[in-house]
Amino acid sequence: MASRFVDLSFALEDGMPAWPGVLPEARIEAILDHDASRPRYEGKAEFYLGRVDMSVNTGTYVDAPFHRHRGREDLAGLPLERLAGLPGAVVDASEAPGPVELPLPGDDVAGRAVLFRSGWDRRWDSGTYWEPDPWLSPAALDLLIDAGAALVGVDWSNVDDTTDPVRPAHTRLLEAGIPIVERLRGLEQLPTDGFRFFAVPPRIVRGASFPVRAFAELP
């Protein structure tokens, strides 16, 4: 039986916000568009050559340990087995905003991509997406780290309480070598388990974060 794939990422587009008032909007434009390219090929072919100028924290993106810890793995150093084909688990976080707990036992977390579904992604076009959003509680971090989660993903903007400069979720998860995927979308399309998760960025030396085409594979 063929697999079914579910896209869990935002489409990147020109003018897309990264963090209003803090990070610049994305700029996606042509260096040479189809019409302008035709003289180069004597009118017999045409190509679009583009450029992308954006914060690496735009859309749906992954954080490598180097994002928080200068001596740890960057995007080029993250092995694929920590980003691709991971058995997944979806956690209900619909009581957000506020601190999010982890109701799963450790056995249901070990070696998995643990994805928190709050429904916050539905705010994307409403103007309220950037309001104070959920964050992972200390107890949730304890369980994720102690049980050996492979990756943590959320469908809101930041795993941390952004009013806390200590940033305990980023600090602790990335110190434990657990990549973080933020701003997922469409997690309501997934079952609670029985799928595999993928969120692979380019191999960038000294890359801390980068947008991904996050998706799930269902049997």
N, C-alpha and C. Protein backbone atom coordinates (compact mmCIF):
# COMPACT_ATOMS: atom_id res chain seq x y z
N MET A 1 0.85 -1.19 0.00
CA MET A 1 0.00 0.00 0.00
C MET A 1 0.89 1.24 0.00
N ALA A 2 0.54 2.21 -0.83
CA ALA A 2 1.33 3.44 -0.93
C ALA A 2 1.16 4.30 0.32
N SER A 3 2.23 5.03 0.65
CA SER A 3 2.16 5.95 1.78
C SER A 3 1.37 7.19 1.41
N ARG A 4 0.86 7.88 2.43
CA ARG A 4 0.22 9.18 2.25
C ARG A 4 1.07 10.21 2.97
N PHE A 5 1.29 11.35 2.33
CA PHE A 5 2.13 12.40 2.90
C PHE A 5 1.27 13.60 3.28
N VAL A 6 1.54 14.16 4.46
CA VAL A 6 0.79 15.30 4.98
C VAL A 6 1.77 16.45 5.22
N ASP A 7 1.58 17.55 4.50
CA ASP A 7 2.45 18.72 4.65
C ASP A 7 2.11 19.43 5.95
N LEU A 8 3.14 19.76 6.73
CA LEU A 8 2.95 20.37 8.04
C LEU A 8 3.67 21.71 8.16
N SER A 9 3.97 22.33 7.01
CA SER A 9 4.75 23.56 7.03
C SER A 9 4.01 24.69 6.33
N PHE A 10 4.36 25.92 6.69
CA PHE A 10 3.84 27.10 6.01
C PHE A 10 4.60 27.31 4.70
N ALA A 11 3.89 27.74 3.66
CA ALA A 11 4.55 28.09 2.41
C ALA A 11 5.26 29.43 2.57
N LEU A 12 6.51 29.50 2.14
CA LEU A 12 7.28 30.74 2.20
C LEU A 12 6.87 31.64 1.05
N GLU A 13 6.67 32.92 1.31
CA GLU A 13 6.30 33.86 0.27
C GLU A 13 6.84 35.24 0.56
N ASP A 14 6.93 36.04 -0.48
CA ASP A 14 7.46 37.40 -0.35
C ASP A 14 6.62 38.19 0.65
N GLY A 15 7.30 38.91 1.55
CA GLY A 15 6.62 39.71 2.55
C GLY A 15 6.19 38.95 3.79
N MET A 16 6.53 37.67 3.87
CA MET A 16 6.13 36.85 5.01
C MET A 16 6.81 37.36 6.28
N PRO A 17 6.07 37.51 7.38
CA PRO A 17 6.70 37.97 8.62
C PRO A 17 7.52 36.86 9.26
N ALA A 18 8.62 37.25 9.91
CA ALA A 18 9.42 36.31 10.69
C ALA A 18 9.16 36.53 12.18
N TRP A 19 9.22 37.79 12.61
CA TRP A 19 8.84 38.18 13.97
C TRP A 19 8.61 39.69 13.90
N PRO A 20 7.37 40.12 13.80
CA PRO A 20 7.09 41.55 13.57
C PRO A 20 7.76 42.45 14.60
N GLY A 21 8.43 43.49 14.09
CA GLY A 21 9.11 44.44 14.95
C GLY A 21 10.47 43.99 15.43
N VAL A 22 10.83 42.74 15.15
CA VAL A 22 12.12 42.21 15.60
C VAL A 22 12.96 41.73 14.42
N LEU A 23 12.38 40.91 13.56
CA LEU A 23 13.10 40.36 12.41
C LEU A 23 12.46 40.87 11.12
N PRO A 24 13.24 41.04 10.05
CA PRO A 24 12.69 41.57 8.80
C PRO A 24 11.80 40.56 8.08
N GLU A 25 10.90 41.09 7.28
CA GLU A 25 10.05 40.23 6.44
C GLU A 25 10.88 39.57 5.35
N ALA A 26 10.40 38.44 4.86
CA ALA A 26 11.08 37.72 3.79
C ALA A 26 10.99 38.50 2.48
N ARG A 27 12.06 38.43 1.70
CA ARG A 27 12.06 38.99 0.35
C ARG A 27 12.39 37.88 -0.63
N ILE A 28 11.43 37.56 -1.47
CA ILE A 28 11.57 36.50 -2.47
C ILE A 28 11.27 37.11 -3.83
N GLU A 29 12.28 37.18 -4.69
CA GLU A 29 12.13 37.92 -5.94
C GLU A 29 13.01 37.34 -7.03
N ALA A 30 12.84 37.87 -8.23
CA ALA A 30 13.60 37.41 -9.38
C ALA A 30 14.92 38.15 -9.51
N ILE A 31 15.98 37.41 -9.83
CA ILE A 31 17.19 38.01 -10.37
C ILE A 31 17.00 38.19 -11.87
N LEU A 32 16.41 37.17 -12.47
CA LEU A 32 16.11 37.18 -13.91
C LEU A 32 14.82 36.38 -14.09
N ASP A 33 13.76 37.02 -14.62
CA ASP A 33 12.52 36.26 -14.80
C ASP A 33 12.49 35.60 -16.17
N HIS A 34 11.42 34.87 -16.45
CA HIS A 34 11.33 34.12 -17.71
C HIS A 34 11.50 35.03 -18.93
N ASP A 35 10.76 36.14 -18.94
CA ASP A 35 10.82 37.02 -20.11
C ASP A 35 12.22 37.60 -20.30
N ALA A 36 12.83 38.07 -19.21
CA ALA A 36 14.14 38.70 -19.32
C ALA A 36 15.23 37.71 -19.71
N SER A 37 15.00 36.42 -19.45
CA SER A 37 16.03 35.43 -19.75
C SER A 37 16.05 35.00 -21.22
N ARG A 38 14.98 35.25 -21.95
CA ARG A 38 14.88 34.68 -23.30
C ARG A 38 16.00 35.13 -24.25
N PRO A 39 16.42 36.40 -24.22
CA PRO A 39 17.53 36.78 -25.13
C PRO A 39 18.81 35.99 -24.90
N ARG A 40 19.04 35.55 -23.68
CA ARG A 40 20.25 34.77 -23.39
C ARG A 40 20.26 33.44 -24.15
N TYR A 41 19.07 32.95 -24.47
CA TYR A 41 18.94 31.65 -25.13
C TYR A 41 18.38 31.79 -26.54
N GLU A 42 18.61 32.97 -27.15
CA GLU A 42 18.21 33.25 -28.52
C GLU A 42 16.72 33.00 -28.73
N GLY A 43 15.94 33.25 -27.67
CA GLY A 43 14.49 33.08 -27.76
C GLY A 43 14.03 31.64 -27.79
N LYS A 44 14.93 30.69 -27.57
CA LYS A 44 14.58 29.27 -27.71
C LYS A 44 14.30 28.59 -26.36
N ALA A 45 14.57 29.28 -25.28
CA ALA A 45 14.31 28.74 -23.95
C ALA A 45 14.17 29.90 -22.98
N GLU A 46 13.62 29.63 -21.81
CA GLU A 46 13.50 30.65 -20.78
C GLU A 46 13.60 29.98 -19.41
N PHE A 47 14.15 30.74 -18.46
CA PHE A 47 14.33 30.23 -17.10
C PHE A 47 14.08 31.34 -16.10
N TYR A 48 13.66 30.93 -14.93
CA TYR A 48 13.48 31.87 -13.82
C TYR A 48 14.62 31.65 -12.82
N LEU A 49 15.39 32.68 -12.54
CA LEU A 49 16.44 32.65 -11.53
C LEU A 49 16.05 33.61 -10.41
N GLY A 50 15.94 33.08 -9.19
CA GLY A 50 15.45 33.90 -8.10
C GLY A 50 16.43 34.05 -6.96
N ARG A 51 16.07 34.93 -6.03
CA ARG A 51 16.85 35.09 -4.80
C ARG A 51 15.88 35.12 -3.62
N VAL A 52 16.37 34.66 -2.49
CA VAL A 52 15.60 34.67 -1.25
C VAL A 52 16.45 35.35 -0.19
N ASP A 53 15.90 36.37 0.44
CA ASP A 53 16.57 37.09 1.52
C ASP A 53 15.62 37.10 2.72
N MET A 54 15.96 36.33 3.73
CA MET A 54 15.04 36.23 4.87
C MET A 54 15.79 35.78 6.11
N SER A 55 15.19 36.05 7.26
CA SER A 55 15.65 35.49 8.51
C SER A 55 15.52 33.97 8.45
N VAL A 56 16.46 33.28 9.09
CA VAL A 56 16.37 31.82 9.11
C VAL A 56 15.23 31.33 10.01
N ASN A 57 14.61 32.25 10.75
CA ASN A 57 13.47 31.91 11.59
C ASN A 57 12.17 32.34 10.93
N THR A 58 12.03 32.02 9.66
CA THR A 58 10.84 32.38 8.89
C THR A 58 10.04 31.12 8.57
N GLY A 59 8.73 31.20 8.70
CA GLY A 59 7.90 30.04 8.39
C GLY A 59 8.11 28.93 9.39
N THR A 60 8.07 27.70 8.92
CA THR A 60 8.30 26.52 9.74
C THR A 60 9.79 26.19 9.69
N TYR A 61 10.45 26.11 10.83
CA TYR A 61 11.90 25.96 10.81
C TYR A 61 12.39 25.06 11.94
N VAL A 62 13.62 24.58 11.77
CA VAL A 62 14.24 23.73 12.78
C VAL A 62 15.40 24.46 13.43
N ASP A 63 15.57 24.26 14.73
CA ASP A 63 16.71 24.76 15.48
C ASP A 63 17.67 23.62 15.75
N ALA A 64 18.95 23.83 15.41
CA ALA A 64 20.01 22.90 15.77
C ALA A 64 20.58 23.28 17.13
N PRO A 65 21.27 22.37 17.82
CA PRO A 65 21.87 22.72 19.12
C PRO A 65 22.75 23.96 19.07
N PHE A 66 23.41 24.23 17.94
CA PHE A 66 24.27 25.40 17.80
C PHE A 66 23.49 26.71 17.97
N HIS A 67 22.19 26.68 17.74
CA HIS A 67 21.35 27.87 17.91
C HIS A 67 21.50 28.45 19.31
N ARG A 68 21.63 27.57 20.30
CA ARG A 68 21.73 28.02 21.71
C ARG A 68 23.12 27.79 22.30
N HIS A 69 23.81 26.75 21.82
CA HIS A 69 25.07 26.35 22.44
C HIS A 69 26.18 26.40 21.39
N ARG A 70 27.08 27.33 21.52
CA ARG A 70 28.05 27.63 20.47
C ARG A 70 28.98 26.48 20.13
N GLY A 71 29.17 25.54 21.03
CA GLY A 71 30.07 24.43 20.76
C GLY A 71 29.39 23.17 20.26
N ARG A 72 28.08 23.22 20.02
CA ARG A 72 27.33 22.02 19.66
C ARG A 72 27.07 21.94 18.16
N GLU A 73 26.34 20.90 17.74
CA GLU A 73 26.12 20.62 16.33
C GLU A 73 25.37 21.74 15.62
N ASP A 74 25.89 22.13 14.46
CA ASP A 74 25.15 23.05 13.60
C ASP A 74 24.29 22.24 12.63
N LEU A 75 23.64 22.91 11.68
CA LEU A 75 22.77 22.21 10.74
C LEU A 75 23.55 21.20 9.90
N ALA A 76 24.79 21.53 9.56
CA ALA A 76 25.60 20.60 8.78
C ALA A 76 26.00 19.37 9.59
N GLY A 77 26.02 19.52 10.90
CA GLY A 77 26.45 18.42 11.75
C GLY A 77 25.34 17.55 12.29
N LEU A 78 24.09 17.94 12.07
CA LEU A 78 22.97 17.12 12.55
C LEU A 78 22.80 15.90 11.65
N PRO A 79 22.88 14.68 12.18
CA PRO A 79 22.67 13.50 11.34
C PRO A 79 21.21 13.38 10.90
N LEU A 80 21.01 12.83 9.71
CA LEU A 80 19.66 12.72 9.17
C LEU A 80 18.73 11.91 10.06
N GLU A 81 19.27 10.93 10.77
CA GLU A 81 18.40 10.10 11.60
C GLU A 81 17.78 10.88 12.75
N ARG A 82 18.21 12.10 13.00
CA ARG A 82 17.59 12.93 14.03
C ARG A 82 16.57 13.89 13.45
N LEU A 83 16.37 13.81 12.12
CA LEU A 83 15.48 14.75 11.43
C LEU A 83 14.50 14.07 10.49
N ALA A 84 14.74 12.83 10.13
CA ALA A 84 13.96 12.19 9.06
C ALA A 84 13.53 10.78 9.45
N GLY A 85 12.28 10.45 9.11
CA GLY A 85 11.77 9.11 9.34
C GLY A 85 11.56 8.76 10.79
N LEU A 86 11.35 9.78 11.63
CA LEU A 86 11.18 9.54 13.06
C LEU A 86 9.76 9.08 13.37
N PRO A 87 9.59 8.05 14.18
CA PRO A 87 8.23 7.72 14.63
C PRO A 87 7.67 8.90 15.41
N GLY A 88 6.42 9.23 15.12
CA GLY A 88 5.84 10.44 15.69
C GLY A 88 4.78 10.18 16.74
N ALA A 89 4.56 11.18 17.58
CA ALA A 89 3.47 11.19 18.55
C ALA A 89 2.93 12.60 18.63
N VAL A 90 1.62 12.75 18.61
CA VAL A 90 0.97 14.06 18.72
C VAL A 90 0.38 14.21 20.11
N VAL A 91 0.69 15.34 20.75
CA VAL A 91 0.21 15.65 22.10
C VAL A 91 -0.82 16.77 22.00
N ASP A 92 -1.95 16.60 22.66
CA ASP A 92 -2.99 17.63 22.68
C ASP A 92 -2.57 18.76 23.61
N ALA A 93 -2.45 19.96 23.06
CA ALA A 93 -2.11 21.14 23.85
C ALA A 93 -3.18 22.22 23.65
N SER A 94 -4.41 21.81 23.51
CA SER A 94 -5.48 22.73 23.14
C SER A 94 -5.89 23.66 24.26
N GLU A 95 -5.40 23.44 25.47
CA GLU A 95 -5.72 24.34 26.58
C GLU A 95 -4.87 25.61 26.56
N ALA A 96 -3.93 25.67 25.61
CA ALA A 96 -3.05 26.83 25.49
C ALA A 96 -3.87 28.09 25.18
N PRO A 97 -3.33 29.34 25.45
CA PRO A 97 -1.95 29.62 25.87
C PRO A 97 -1.69 29.34 27.34
N GLY A 98 -0.43 29.39 27.68
CA GLY A 98 0.01 29.06 29.01
C GLY A 98 0.99 27.91 28.95
N PRO A 99 1.45 27.44 30.11
CA PRO A 99 2.41 26.32 30.13
C PRO A 99 1.75 25.03 29.68
N VAL A 100 2.42 24.29 28.81
CA VAL A 100 1.90 23.05 28.25
C VAL A 100 2.55 21.87 28.95
N GLU A 101 1.73 20.96 29.44
CA GLU A 101 2.23 19.75 30.09
C GLU A 101 2.35 18.63 29.07
N LEU A 102 2.92 17.52 29.50
CA LEU A 102 3.10 16.37 28.62
C LEU A 102 2.39 15.17 29.25
N PRO A 103 1.19 14.82 28.77
CA PRO A 103 0.44 13.75 29.42
C PRO A 103 0.92 12.35 29.06
N LEU A 104 1.84 12.22 28.11
CA LEU A 104 2.30 10.90 27.70
C LEU A 104 3.32 10.35 28.70
N PRO A 105 3.30 9.04 28.95
CA PRO A 105 4.37 8.44 29.76
C PRO A 105 5.67 8.38 28.98
N GLY A 106 6.77 8.19 29.70
CA GLY A 106 8.07 8.18 29.06
C GLY A 106 8.20 7.16 27.95
N ASP A 107 7.57 6.00 28.11
CA ASP A 107 7.67 4.96 27.09
C ASP A 107 7.08 5.41 25.76
N ASP A 108 6.15 6.36 25.79
CA ASP A 108 5.51 6.85 24.57
C ASP A 108 6.27 8.01 23.94
N VAL A 109 7.37 8.41 24.56
CA VAL A 109 8.14 9.56 24.11
C VAL A 109 9.51 9.14 23.55
N ALA A 110 10.08 8.11 24.11
CA ALA A 110 11.45 7.71 23.78
C ALA A 110 11.63 7.47 22.29
N GLY A 111 12.63 8.15 21.71
CA GLY A 111 12.98 7.96 20.31
C GLY A 111 12.00 8.54 19.32
N ARG A 112 11.05 9.34 19.78
CA ARG A 112 10.01 9.86 18.89
C ARG A 112 10.16 11.36 18.62
N ALA A 113 9.56 11.77 17.52
CA ALA A 113 9.29 13.18 17.29
C ALA A 113 7.98 13.49 18.01
N VAL A 114 8.04 14.30 19.04
CA VAL A 114 6.86 14.62 19.85
C VAL A 114 6.35 15.98 19.39
N LEU A 115 5.14 15.99 18.82
CA LEU A 115 4.56 17.19 18.20
C LEU A 115 3.38 17.66 19.04
N PHE A 116 3.43 18.93 19.46
CA PHE A 116 2.39 19.50 20.31
C PHE A 116 1.38 20.25 19.44
N ARG A 117 0.12 19.84 19.54
CA ARG A 117 -0.96 20.43 18.73
C ARG A 117 -1.87 21.29 19.60
N SER A 118 -1.78 22.61 19.38
CA SER A 118 -2.63 23.54 20.13
C SER A 118 -3.70 24.18 19.25
N GLY A 119 -3.52 24.13 17.93
CA GLY A 119 -4.41 24.84 17.03
C GLY A 119 -4.03 26.29 16.83
N TRP A 120 -2.90 26.71 17.43
CA TRP A 120 -2.45 28.10 17.30
C TRP A 120 -2.19 28.48 15.85
N ASP A 121 -1.83 27.51 15.02
CA ASP A 121 -1.52 27.79 13.61
C ASP A 121 -2.70 28.38 12.86
N ARG A 122 -3.93 28.15 13.35
CA ARG A 122 -5.11 28.71 12.68
C ARG A 122 -5.18 30.23 12.81
N ARG A 123 -4.36 30.80 13.69
CA ARG A 123 -4.32 32.26 13.86
C ARG A 123 -3.44 32.95 12.81
N TRP A 124 -2.75 32.20 11.98
CA TRP A 124 -1.70 32.76 11.12
C TRP A 124 -2.17 33.99 10.34
N ASP A 125 -3.33 33.93 9.74
CA ASP A 125 -3.81 35.04 8.91
C ASP A 125 -4.75 35.98 9.65
N SER A 126 -4.89 35.81 10.97
CA SER A 126 -5.87 36.61 11.71
C SER A 126 -5.28 37.84 12.37
N GLY A 127 -3.96 37.96 12.39
CA GLY A 127 -3.34 39.07 13.10
C GLY A 127 -3.08 38.81 14.56
N THR A 128 -3.52 37.64 15.07
CA THR A 128 -3.32 37.33 16.49
C THR A 128 -2.24 36.26 16.71
N TYR A 129 -1.59 35.83 15.64
CA TYR A 129 -0.59 34.76 15.77
C TYR A 129 0.55 35.17 16.70
N TRP A 130 0.89 36.47 16.70
CA TRP A 130 2.07 36.93 17.44
C TRP A 130 1.74 37.35 18.86
N GLU A 131 0.51 37.12 19.29
CA GLU A 131 0.17 37.36 20.69
C GLU A 131 0.89 36.34 21.57
N PRO A 132 0.99 36.60 22.89
CA PRO A 132 1.63 35.61 23.77
C PRO A 132 1.02 34.23 23.58
N ASP A 133 1.89 33.26 23.31
CA ASP A 133 1.41 31.93 22.93
C ASP A 133 1.82 30.89 23.96
N PRO A 134 1.59 29.62 23.72
CA PRO A 134 1.95 28.59 24.70
C PRO A 134 3.46 28.48 24.88
N TRP A 135 3.85 27.69 25.87
CA TRP A 135 5.26 27.33 26.04
C TRP A 135 5.31 26.00 26.78
N LEU A 136 6.44 25.33 26.70
CA LEU A 136 6.58 24.02 27.33
C LEU A 136 6.94 24.18 28.81
N SER A 137 6.21 23.49 29.66
CA SER A 137 6.41 23.61 31.10
C SER A 137 7.70 22.90 31.53
N PRO A 138 8.22 23.24 32.70
CA PRO A 138 9.39 22.52 33.22
C PRO A 138 9.16 21.01 33.33
N ALA A 139 7.96 20.62 33.74
CA ALA A 139 7.67 19.18 33.86
C ALA A 139 7.69 18.50 32.50
N ALA A 140 7.17 19.18 31.48
CA ALA A 140 7.20 18.61 30.13
C ALA A 140 8.64 18.47 29.65
N LEU A 141 9.47 19.47 29.92
CA LEU A 141 10.88 19.39 29.53
C LEU A 141 11.58 18.23 30.24
N ASP A 142 11.29 18.05 31.51
CA ASP A 142 11.89 16.95 32.26
C ASP A 142 11.58 15.61 31.60
N LEU A 143 10.31 15.40 31.27
CA LEU A 143 9.92 14.11 30.70
C LEU A 143 10.51 13.92 29.31
N LEU A 144 10.46 14.96 28.47
CA LEU A 144 11.00 14.85 27.12
C LEU A 144 12.49 14.50 27.14
N ILE A 145 13.24 15.15 28.01
CA ILE A 145 14.68 14.93 28.06
C ILE A 145 15.02 13.60 28.73
N ASP A 146 14.40 13.33 29.87
CA ASP A 146 14.71 12.10 30.61
C ASP A 146 14.31 10.86 29.83
N ALA A 147 13.21 10.94 29.07
CA ALA A 147 12.73 9.77 28.32
C ALA A 147 13.44 9.61 26.98
N GLY A 148 14.18 10.62 26.56
CA GLY A 148 14.93 10.49 25.31
C GLY A 148 14.13 10.77 24.07
N ALA A 149 13.34 11.84 24.07
CA ALA A 149 12.65 12.24 22.83
C ALA A 149 13.68 12.54 21.76
N ALA A 150 13.35 12.23 20.51
CA ALA A 150 14.29 12.45 19.41
C ALA A 150 14.21 13.86 18.86
N LEU A 151 13.02 14.45 18.89
CA LEU A 151 12.77 15.79 18.32
C LEU A 151 11.51 16.32 18.97
N VAL A 152 11.41 17.63 19.10
CA VAL A 152 10.20 18.26 19.64
C VAL A 152 9.71 19.30 18.65
N GLY A 153 8.42 19.26 18.35
CA GLY A 153 7.82 20.24 17.44
C GLY A 153 6.56 20.83 18.03
N VAL A 154 6.29 22.12 17.68
CA VAL A 154 5.10 22.80 18.20
C VAL A 154 4.41 23.54 17.05
N ASP A 155 3.10 23.72 17.17
CA ASP A 155 2.36 24.44 16.13
C ASP A 155 2.12 25.90 16.52
N TRP A 156 2.97 26.43 17.37
CA TRP A 156 2.97 27.87 17.70
C TRP A 156 4.37 28.41 17.46
N SER A 157 4.65 29.62 17.90
CA SER A 157 5.85 30.31 17.44
C SER A 157 7.12 29.99 18.19
N ASN A 158 7.04 29.65 19.48
CA ASN A 158 8.26 29.51 20.27
C ASN A 158 8.02 28.54 21.41
N VAL A 159 8.92 27.59 21.61
CA VAL A 159 8.75 26.62 22.69
C VAL A 159 8.89 27.25 24.07
N ASP A 160 9.48 28.44 24.12
CA ASP A 160 9.71 29.12 25.39
C ASP A 160 8.67 30.19 25.67
N ASP A 161 8.52 30.51 26.94
CA ASP A 161 7.84 31.73 27.36
C ASP A 161 8.77 32.88 26.98
N THR A 162 8.39 33.67 26.00
CA THR A 162 9.29 34.69 25.46
C THR A 162 9.52 35.87 26.41
N THR A 163 8.79 35.88 27.54
CA THR A 163 9.08 36.90 28.55
C THR A 163 10.20 36.46 29.48
N ASP A 164 10.66 35.21 29.36
CA ASP A 164 11.71 34.67 30.22
C ASP A 164 13.03 34.69 29.45
N PRO A 165 13.98 35.56 29.81
CA PRO A 165 15.23 35.65 29.06
C PRO A 165 16.13 34.43 29.21
N VAL A 166 15.84 33.56 30.17
CA VAL A 166 16.66 32.35 30.36
C VAL A 166 16.42 31.35 29.22
N ARG A 167 15.23 31.39 28.63
CA ARG A 167 14.85 30.48 27.54
C ARG A 167 15.15 29.02 27.93
N PRO A 168 14.48 28.52 28.98
CA PRO A 168 14.80 27.17 29.47
C PRO A 168 14.50 26.05 28.48
N ALA A 169 13.46 26.18 27.66
CA ALA A 169 13.13 25.10 26.73
C ALA A 169 14.21 24.95 25.67
N HIS A 170 14.59 26.06 25.02
CA HIS A 170 15.68 25.99 24.05
C HIS A 170 16.97 25.51 24.72
N THR A 171 17.27 26.08 25.88
CA THR A 171 18.52 25.75 26.57
C THR A 171 18.60 24.26 26.87
N ARG A 172 17.56 23.71 27.44
CA ARG A 172 17.61 22.33 27.91
C ARG A 172 17.45 21.32 26.77
N LEU A 173 16.49 21.56 25.87
CA LEU A 173 16.30 20.61 24.76
C LEU A 173 17.53 20.55 23.86
N LEU A 174 18.04 21.71 23.49
CA LEU A 174 19.18 21.71 22.57
C LEU A 174 20.45 21.22 23.26
N GLU A 175 20.58 21.45 24.55
CA GLU A 175 21.72 20.90 25.29
C GLU A 175 21.67 19.37 25.28
N ALA A 176 20.46 18.83 25.30
CA ALA A 176 20.28 17.37 25.26
C ALA A 176 20.37 16.83 23.83
N GLY A 177 20.61 17.70 22.85
CA GLY A 177 20.74 17.26 21.47
C GLY A 177 19.42 16.99 20.78
N ILE A 178 18.35 17.58 21.28
CA ILE A 178 17.01 17.37 20.72
C ILE A 178 16.66 18.54 19.81
N PRO A 179 16.62 18.35 18.48
CA PRO A 179 16.24 19.45 17.59
C PRO A 179 14.81 19.91 17.88
N ILE A 180 14.56 21.19 17.61
CA ILE A 180 13.26 21.81 17.84
C ILE A 180 12.70 22.31 16.52
N VAL A 181 11.44 21.97 16.23
CA VAL A 181 10.76 22.51 15.05
C VAL A 181 9.62 23.39 15.53
N GLU A 182 9.65 24.66 15.12
CA GLU A 182 8.63 25.61 15.55
C GLU A 182 7.77 26.04 14.37
N ARG A 183 6.55 26.48 14.69
CA ARG A 183 5.58 26.97 13.70
C ARG A 183 5.14 25.89 12.72
N LEU A 184 4.87 24.71 13.23
CA LEU A 184 4.22 23.69 12.42
C LEU A 184 2.78 24.10 12.15
N ARG A 185 2.17 23.49 11.17
CA ARG A 185 0.76 23.75 10.88
C ARG A 185 0.08 22.43 10.50
N GLY A 186 -1.24 22.37 10.72
CA GLY A 186 -2.01 21.24 10.24
C GLY A 186 -1.86 19.96 11.02
N LEU A 187 -1.47 20.04 12.28
CA LEU A 187 -1.29 18.81 13.05
C LEU A 187 -2.60 18.08 13.31
N GLU A 188 -3.72 18.77 13.13
CA GLU A 188 -5.02 18.09 13.31
C GLU A 188 -5.24 17.01 12.25
N GLN A 189 -4.44 17.00 11.20
CA GLN A 189 -4.56 15.99 10.16
C GLN A 189 -3.93 14.66 10.56
N LEU A 190 -3.20 14.65 11.67
CA LEU A 190 -2.46 13.46 12.06
C LEU A 190 -3.15 12.68 13.16
N PRO A 191 -2.97 11.35 13.18
CA PRO A 191 -3.37 10.57 14.34
C PRO A 191 -2.41 10.82 15.49
N THR A 192 -2.72 10.28 16.65
CA THR A 192 -1.84 10.50 17.80
C THR A 192 -0.52 9.75 17.65
N ASP A 193 -0.51 8.67 16.86
CA ASP A 193 0.73 7.96 16.58
C ASP A 193 0.55 7.17 15.28
N GLY A 194 1.53 6.35 14.94
CA GLY A 194 1.43 5.55 13.72
C GLY A 194 1.86 6.28 12.47
N PHE A 195 2.70 7.30 12.60
CA PHE A 195 3.21 8.03 11.43
C PHE A 195 4.70 8.29 11.63
N ARG A 196 5.35 8.72 10.55
CA ARG A 196 6.76 9.11 10.62
C ARG A 196 6.88 10.58 10.23
N PHE A 197 7.83 11.27 10.88
CA PHE A 197 7.97 12.71 10.75
C PHE A 197 9.31 13.06 10.11
N PHE A 198 9.28 14.10 9.25
CA PHE A 198 10.47 14.55 8.53
C PHE A 198 10.54 16.09 8.62
N ALA A 199 11.73 16.62 8.88
CA ALA A 199 11.94 18.08 8.91
C ALA A 199 13.42 18.34 8.63
N VAL A 200 13.81 18.28 7.36
CA VAL A 200 15.23 18.30 6.98
C VAL A 200 15.60 19.66 6.38
N PRO A 201 16.57 20.36 6.96
CA PRO A 201 17.06 21.62 6.41
C PRO A 201 18.27 21.37 5.51
N PRO A 202 18.75 22.38 4.79
CA PRO A 202 20.02 22.26 4.08
C PRO A 202 21.18 22.05 5.07
N ARG A 203 22.30 21.49 4.56
CA ARG A 203 23.50 21.32 5.38
C ARG A 203 24.29 22.63 5.37
N ILE A 204 24.09 23.45 6.38
CA ILE A 204 24.73 24.76 6.44
C ILE A 204 25.74 24.78 7.58
N VAL A 205 27.00 24.99 7.23
CA VAL A 205 28.04 25.11 8.25
C VAL A 205 27.80 26.39 9.06
N ARG A 206 27.81 26.27 10.36
CA ARG A 206 27.45 27.34 11.29
C ARG A 206 26.00 27.78 11.12
N GLY A 207 25.20 26.90 10.58
CA GLY A 207 23.77 27.15 10.50
C GLY A 207 23.11 26.81 11.82
N ALA A 208 22.36 27.75 12.36
CA ALA A 208 21.70 27.55 13.65
C ALA A 208 20.25 27.11 13.49
N SER A 209 19.55 27.73 12.54
CA SER A 209 18.14 27.45 12.27
C SER A 209 17.92 27.61 10.77
N PHE A 210 16.84 26.99 10.26
CA PHE A 210 16.52 27.19 8.85
C PHE A 210 15.13 26.62 8.56
N PRO A 211 14.39 27.27 7.63
CA PRO A 211 13.08 26.73 7.25
C PRO A 211 13.18 25.31 6.70
N VAL A 212 12.13 24.53 6.96
CA VAL A 212 12.04 23.15 6.50
C VAL A 212 10.70 22.90 5.83
N ARG A 213 10.65 21.92 4.97
CA ARG A 213 9.39 21.38 4.46
C ARG A 213 9.03 20.21 5.38
N ALA A 214 8.41 20.50 6.48
CA ALA A 214 8.05 19.46 7.45
C ALA A 214 6.84 18.67 6.93
N PHE A 215 6.91 17.36 7.10
CA PHE A 215 5.78 16.54 6.65
C PHE A 215 5.75 15.22 7.42
N ALA A 216 4.60 14.58 7.38
CA ALA A 216 4.42 13.28 7.98
C ALA A 216 4.10 12.26 6.90
N GLU A 217 4.57 11.04 7.12
CA GLU A 217 4.26 9.92 6.23
C GLU A 217 3.35 8.95 6.99
N LEU A 218 2.18 8.72 6.43
CA LEU A 218 1.22 7.81 7.02
C LEU A 218 1.05 6.58 6.13
N PRO A 219 0.90 5.40 6.71
CA PRO A 219 0.68 4.21 5.90
C PRO A 219 -0.69 4.24 5.23
